[in-house]
Amino acid sequence: MAEETLLYETHDAWGRLRVTQVGDYRYLVFGDECEQSCLYVPDPAWLEYDYTRAMLLGALLHGAPEKALFLGLGAGSLLHAGQRWLGLKQLNVLELRPQVPLLAREFFALDALDGLHLRVAEAQQALGEEPDTDLIFMDLYGDEGPAAEHLSWGFLEACYARLRPGGWLIINQWTGENGAPFAAPLLRGLFRHNYWECPVCEGNVLLWVPGPNTAAPDFAALAAKVAALRGELGYDLLPLLKGVRAAS
């Protein structure tokens, strides 16, 4: 097994940031041990983690997305995947930590993306200035877990309001000991049980929330998309699709 190499280390107001590499895999690490993101250097659009694959899978529910808002940048592998596999023309990003975009540009091929609009800002304060969008990917995590926005009725409601007809809000949520997402009563009350859950092996659950005037998932059509993409992706999304459950 290849040894881990430290490529860069710094600190900011939120703690320690490191970039490490093992073989062809490059990692963004928060704190001492929190492996926040991973990029496969030969192919930045490769998604290594099941939770990012489940986010891509949920986004495939949209027929023809043109733009997406990413809440949290990380190493940017999901942006690369979204541009390649979803055909996204505009990638809007809100990232809290100024060092993260700098590291993403130097170590994670961020400048290879087209149509990138990135702002360093707190999501809760800046969301209202963002244009309406087809997809929102919410992945606001630090080394100690999810940001407060993941548990905020007002913020989640504001995300929903930013979606265009046909749009989807995709949330990477922690789970409790019973396997239910954190803040399940809040989520079910806010979205009236009208969303789907995709649990993944990392212990998280991805929430797929349909926006205004968005039809319920056509799982047969989604399975067909997954089958058509299997060879190009290099991994199979069907096992994740089989685990999807309705919130109700």
Protein backbone atom coordinates (compact mmCIF):
# COMPACT_ATOMS: atom_id res chain seq x y z
CA MET A 1 0.00 0.00 0.00
CA ALA A 2 1.28 3.47 -0.93
CA GLU A 3 2.43 5.74 1.86
CA GLU A 4 0.65 8.96 2.75
CA THR A 5 2.50 12.11 1.71
CA LEU A 6 1.77 15.50 3.24
CA LEU A 7 1.60 18.07 0.41
CA TYR A 8 0.52 21.13 2.36
CA GLU A 9 -0.58 22.19 5.81
CA THR A 10 -2.02 25.44 7.16
CA HIS A 11 -4.33 26.79 9.84
CA ASP A 12 -7.19 29.25 9.69
CA ALA A 13 -9.82 30.58 12.07
CA TRP A 14 -11.64 27.23 12.03
CA GLY A 15 -8.62 24.99 12.60
CA ARG A 16 -6.14 22.85 10.76
CA LEU A 17 -6.20 22.17 7.00
CA ARG A 18 -4.05 19.58 5.25
CA VAL A 19 -3.62 18.23 1.74
CA THR A 20 -2.29 14.68 1.61
CA GLN A 21 -1.80 12.12 -1.14
CA VAL A 22 -1.81 8.31 -1.20
CA GLY A 23 -0.97 6.93 -4.63
CA ASP A 24 -3.24 8.67 -7.16
CA TYR A 25 -5.69 9.86 -4.48
CA ARG A 26 -5.43 13.36 -3.02
CA TYR A 27 -7.26 14.29 0.17
CA LEU A 28 -8.43 17.48 1.83
CA VAL A 29 -8.30 16.91 5.59
CA PHE A 30 -9.94 19.09 8.25
CA GLY A 31 -8.63 18.95 11.81
CA ASP A 32 -6.45 16.01 12.76
CA GLU A 33 -8.33 13.12 11.15
CA CYS A 34 -11.43 14.36 9.29
CA GLU A 35 -10.98 13.23 5.68
CA GLN A 36 -13.25 15.87 4.15
CA SER A 37 -12.83 15.25 0.42
CA CYS A 38 -10.99 13.03 -2.03
CA LEU A 39 -9.91 13.60 -5.62
CA TYR A 40 -8.58 10.94 -7.98
CA VAL A 41 -5.79 12.85 -9.70
CA PRO A 42 -5.96 11.10 -13.13
CA ASP A 43 -9.72 11.81 -13.34
CA PRO A 44 -11.09 14.66 -11.16
CA ALA A 45 -14.69 13.69 -12.03
CA TRP A 46 -14.29 10.28 -10.38
CA LEU A 47 -16.36 10.03 -7.18
CA GLU A 48 -14.65 7.85 -4.59
CA TYR A 49 -17.13 8.11 -1.73
CA ASP A 50 -20.59 6.59 -1.75
CA TYR A 51 -22.11 9.77 -0.33
CA THR A 52 -20.91 11.81 -3.32
CA ARG A 53 -22.16 9.09 -5.68
CA ALA A 54 -25.56 9.27 -3.95
CA MET A 55 -25.57 13.05 -4.47
CA LEU A 56 -24.91 12.54 -8.18
CA LEU A 57 -27.60 9.85 -8.30
CA GLY A 58 -30.17 12.23 -6.80
CA ALA A 59 -29.21 14.94 -9.28
CA LEU A 60 -29.94 12.55 -12.16
CA LEU A 61 -33.61 12.94 -11.23
CA HIS A 62 -33.51 16.30 -13.01
CA GLY A 63 -34.14 15.96 -16.72
CA ALA A 64 -31.78 18.66 -17.98
CA PRO A 65 -30.14 20.80 -15.28
CA GLU A 66 -28.17 23.81 -16.45
CA LYS A 67 -26.94 25.30 -13.20
CA ALA A 68 -26.33 24.18 -9.66
CA LEU A 69 -25.47 25.74 -6.33
CA PHE A 70 -22.91 23.94 -4.17
CA LEU A 71 -23.02 24.79 -0.47
CA GLY A 72 -19.53 23.81 0.60
CA LEU A 73 -16.65 23.33 -1.85
CA GLY A 74 -14.35 20.70 -0.40
CA ALA A 75 -11.98 19.36 -3.02
CA GLY A 76 -14.54 19.91 -5.78
CA SER A 77 -14.88 16.37 -7.13
CA LEU A 78 -18.68 16.70 -7.16
CA LEU A 79 -18.38 19.86 -9.28
CA HIS A 80 -16.24 17.99 -11.81
CA ALA A 81 -18.72 15.09 -11.85
CA GLY A 82 -21.68 17.46 -12.20
CA GLN A 83 -20.15 19.21 -15.18
CA ARG A 84 -19.25 15.95 -16.94
CA TRP A 85 -22.24 13.73 -16.19
CA LEU A 86 -25.05 16.27 -15.72
CA GLY A 87 -23.90 18.77 -18.33
CA LEU A 88 -23.98 21.69 -15.89
CA LYS A 89 -23.06 24.97 -17.55
CA GLN A 90 -22.99 27.10 -14.40
CA LEU A 91 -21.46 26.05 -11.09
CA ASN A 92 -22.17 28.45 -8.22
CA VAL A 93 -20.36 27.80 -4.95
CA LEU A 94 -20.58 29.24 -1.44
CA GLU A 95 -17.61 28.34 0.74
CA LEU A 96 -17.01 29.62 4.27
CA ARG A 97 -13.24 29.15 4.60
CA PRO A 98 -11.04 31.36 2.35
CA GLN A 99 -8.21 28.82 2.36
CA VAL A 100 -10.33 26.04 0.85
CA PRO A 101 -10.71 27.62 -2.64
CA LEU A 102 -6.99 28.43 -2.66
CA LEU A 103 -6.15 24.81 -1.92
CA ALA A 104 -8.72 23.58 -4.44
CA ARG A 105 -7.09 25.69 -7.16
CA GLU A 106 -3.56 24.58 -6.34
CA PHE A 107 -4.13 20.90 -5.62
CA PHE A 108 -7.59 19.83 -6.87
CA ALA A 109 -7.91 21.10 -10.47
CA LEU A 110 -10.59 23.67 -9.66
CA ASP A 111 -9.52 25.98 -12.49
CA ALA A 112 -10.25 23.24 -15.05
CA LEU A 113 -13.99 23.82 -14.53
CA ASP A 114 -16.03 26.02 -16.86
CA GLY A 115 -18.77 28.36 -15.66
CA LEU A 116 -17.51 28.48 -12.07
CA HIS A 117 -18.77 31.31 -9.84
CA LEU A 118 -17.32 31.01 -6.33
CA ARG A 119 -17.93 33.25 -3.33
CA VAL A 120 -16.27 33.04 0.05
CA ALA A 121 -19.18 33.69 2.39
CA GLU A 122 -21.30 32.16 5.14
CA ALA A 123 -24.09 30.25 3.43
CA GLN A 124 -26.81 31.44 5.79
CA GLN A 125 -26.00 35.09 5.05
CA ALA A 126 -25.25 34.80 1.33
CA LEU A 127 -27.93 32.38 0.14
CA GLY A 128 -30.47 35.14 -0.47
CA GLU A 129 -28.12 36.76 -2.99
CA GLU A 130 -27.87 33.60 -5.10
CA PRO A 131 -29.98 33.22 -8.27
CA ASP A 132 -32.61 30.53 -8.57
CA THR A 133 -31.11 27.24 -9.65
CA ASP A 134 -31.90 23.72 -10.85
CA LEU A 135 -29.95 21.85 -8.18
CA ILE A 136 -28.63 22.61 -4.72
CA PHE A 137 -26.01 20.34 -3.15
CA MET A 138 -25.76 20.95 0.59
CA ASP A 139 -22.62 19.56 2.23
CA LEU A 140 -21.62 21.98 4.99
CA TYR A 141 -19.27 20.06 7.27
CA GLY A 142 -16.30 20.84 9.46
CA ASP A 143 -14.07 18.51 11.43
CA GLU A 144 -16.68 18.22 14.19
CA GLY A 145 -19.70 17.45 12.02
CA PRO A 146 -22.47 19.25 10.16
CA ALA A 147 -22.87 23.02 10.29
CA ALA A 148 -25.92 24.51 12.01
CA GLU A 149 -27.57 25.10 8.62
CA HIS A 150 -28.22 21.35 8.34
CA LEU A 151 -30.57 21.63 11.32
CA SER A 152 -32.10 25.04 10.56
CA TRP A 153 -35.73 25.25 9.43
CA GLY A 154 -35.24 28.78 8.08
CA PHE A 155 -32.14 27.94 6.07
CA LEU A 156 -33.59 24.75 4.59
CA GLU A 157 -36.75 26.65 3.70
CA ALA A 158 -34.63 29.32 1.99
CA CYS A 159 -32.81 26.64 -0.01
CA TYR A 160 -36.13 25.23 -1.18
CA ALA A 161 -37.21 28.71 -2.26
CA ARG A 162 -34.12 29.06 -4.49
CA LEU A 163 -35.09 26.04 -6.63
CA ARG A 164 -36.58 26.51 -10.06
CA PRO A 165 -39.52 24.32 -11.13
CA GLY A 166 -38.25 20.79 -11.61
CA GLY A 167 -35.36 21.42 -9.22
CA TRP A 168 -33.94 19.26 -6.43
CA LEU A 169 -32.33 19.98 -3.08
CA ILE A 170 -29.79 17.29 -2.20
CA ILE A 171 -28.57 17.21 1.40
CA ASN A 172 -25.76 15.16 2.92
CA GLN A 173 -27.11 14.49 6.41
CA TRP A 174 -25.70 12.62 9.39
CA THR A 175 -27.77 9.83 10.93
CA GLY A 176 -28.55 8.93 14.51
CA GLU A 177 -28.28 5.50 16.13
CA ASN A 178 -31.68 4.50 14.73
CA GLY A 179 -30.56 5.18 11.14
CA ALA A 180 -32.87 8.17 10.74
CA PRO A 181 -31.37 11.48 9.59
CA PHE A 182 -30.53 14.12 12.17
CA ALA A 183 -33.50 16.45 12.73
CA ALA A 184 -35.90 13.95 11.14
CA PRO A 185 -39.01 15.51 12.77
CA LEU A 186 -37.95 18.95 11.50
CA LEU A 187 -37.31 17.62 7.99
CA ARG A 188 -40.59 15.74 7.82
CA GLY A 189 -42.50 18.75 9.09
CA LEU A 190 -40.84 21.21 6.74
CA PHE A 191 -41.03 19.05 3.63
CA ARG A 192 -44.26 17.27 4.63
CA HIS A 193 -42.70 13.81 4.19
CA ASN A 194 -42.22 14.63 0.50
CA TYR A 195 -38.60 13.60 0.05
CA TRP A 196 -36.52 10.46 -0.33
CA GLU A 197 -33.62 9.05 1.68
CA CYS A 198 -30.57 7.27 0.29
CA PRO A 199 -28.43 5.75 3.08
CA VAL A 200 -24.75 5.12 2.35
CA CYS A 201 -22.00 3.00 3.90
CA GLU A 202 -20.19 5.99 5.42
CA GLY A 203 -23.10 6.26 7.85
CA ASN A 204 -24.72 9.29 6.27
CA VAL A 205 -28.06 9.53 4.52
CA LEU A 206 -28.62 11.63 1.43
CA LEU A 207 -31.93 13.47 1.23
CA TRP A 208 -33.49 14.17 -2.16
CA VAL A 209 -36.04 16.96 -1.80
CA PRO A 210 -38.15 17.93 -4.83
CA GLY A 211 -38.56 21.65 -5.38
CA PRO A 212 -41.69 23.60 -6.36
CA ASN A 213 -43.66 22.02 -9.19
CA THR A 214 -41.30 19.06 -9.29
CA ALA A 215 -42.72 15.64 -10.04
CA ALA A 216 -42.08 12.63 -7.84
CA PRO A 217 -39.13 10.47 -8.91
CA ASP A 218 -39.58 8.17 -11.87
CA PHE A 219 -37.44 5.34 -10.52
CA ALA A 220 -37.74 3.26 -13.70
CA ALA A 221 -36.35 6.13 -15.75
CA LEU A 222 -33.63 6.72 -13.16
CA ALA A 223 -32.63 3.04 -13.26
CA ALA A 224 -32.37 3.30 -17.05
CA LYS A 225 -30.08 6.34 -16.73
CA VAL A 226 -27.94 4.49 -14.22
CA ALA A 227 -27.63 1.47 -16.51
CA ALA A 228 -26.67 3.67 -19.47
CA LEU A 229 -23.97 5.47 -17.46
CA ARG A 230 -22.49 2.41 -15.73
CA GLY A 231 -19.74 1.79 -18.26
CA GLU A 232 -18.69 5.42 -18.53
CA LEU A 233 -18.76 6.12 -14.79
CA GLY A 234 -16.68 3.09 -13.91
CA TYR A 235 -18.92 2.26 -10.93
CA ASP A 236 -22.50 1.14 -10.53
CA LEU A 237 -25.08 3.42 -8.88
CA LEU A 238 -27.77 0.70 -8.91
CA PRO A 239 -26.97 -0.66 -5.40
CA LEU A 240 -27.49 2.84 -4.01
CA LEU A 241 -30.73 3.22 -5.94
CA LYS A 242 -32.03 -0.05 -4.50
CA GLY A 243 -31.58 1.35 -0.99
CA VAL A 244 -33.63 4.51 -1.57
CA ARG A 245 -36.67 4.86 0.68
CA ALA A 246 -39.49 7.36 0.97
CA ALA A 247 -39.35 9.61 4.02
CA SER A 248 -42.86 8.63 5.02
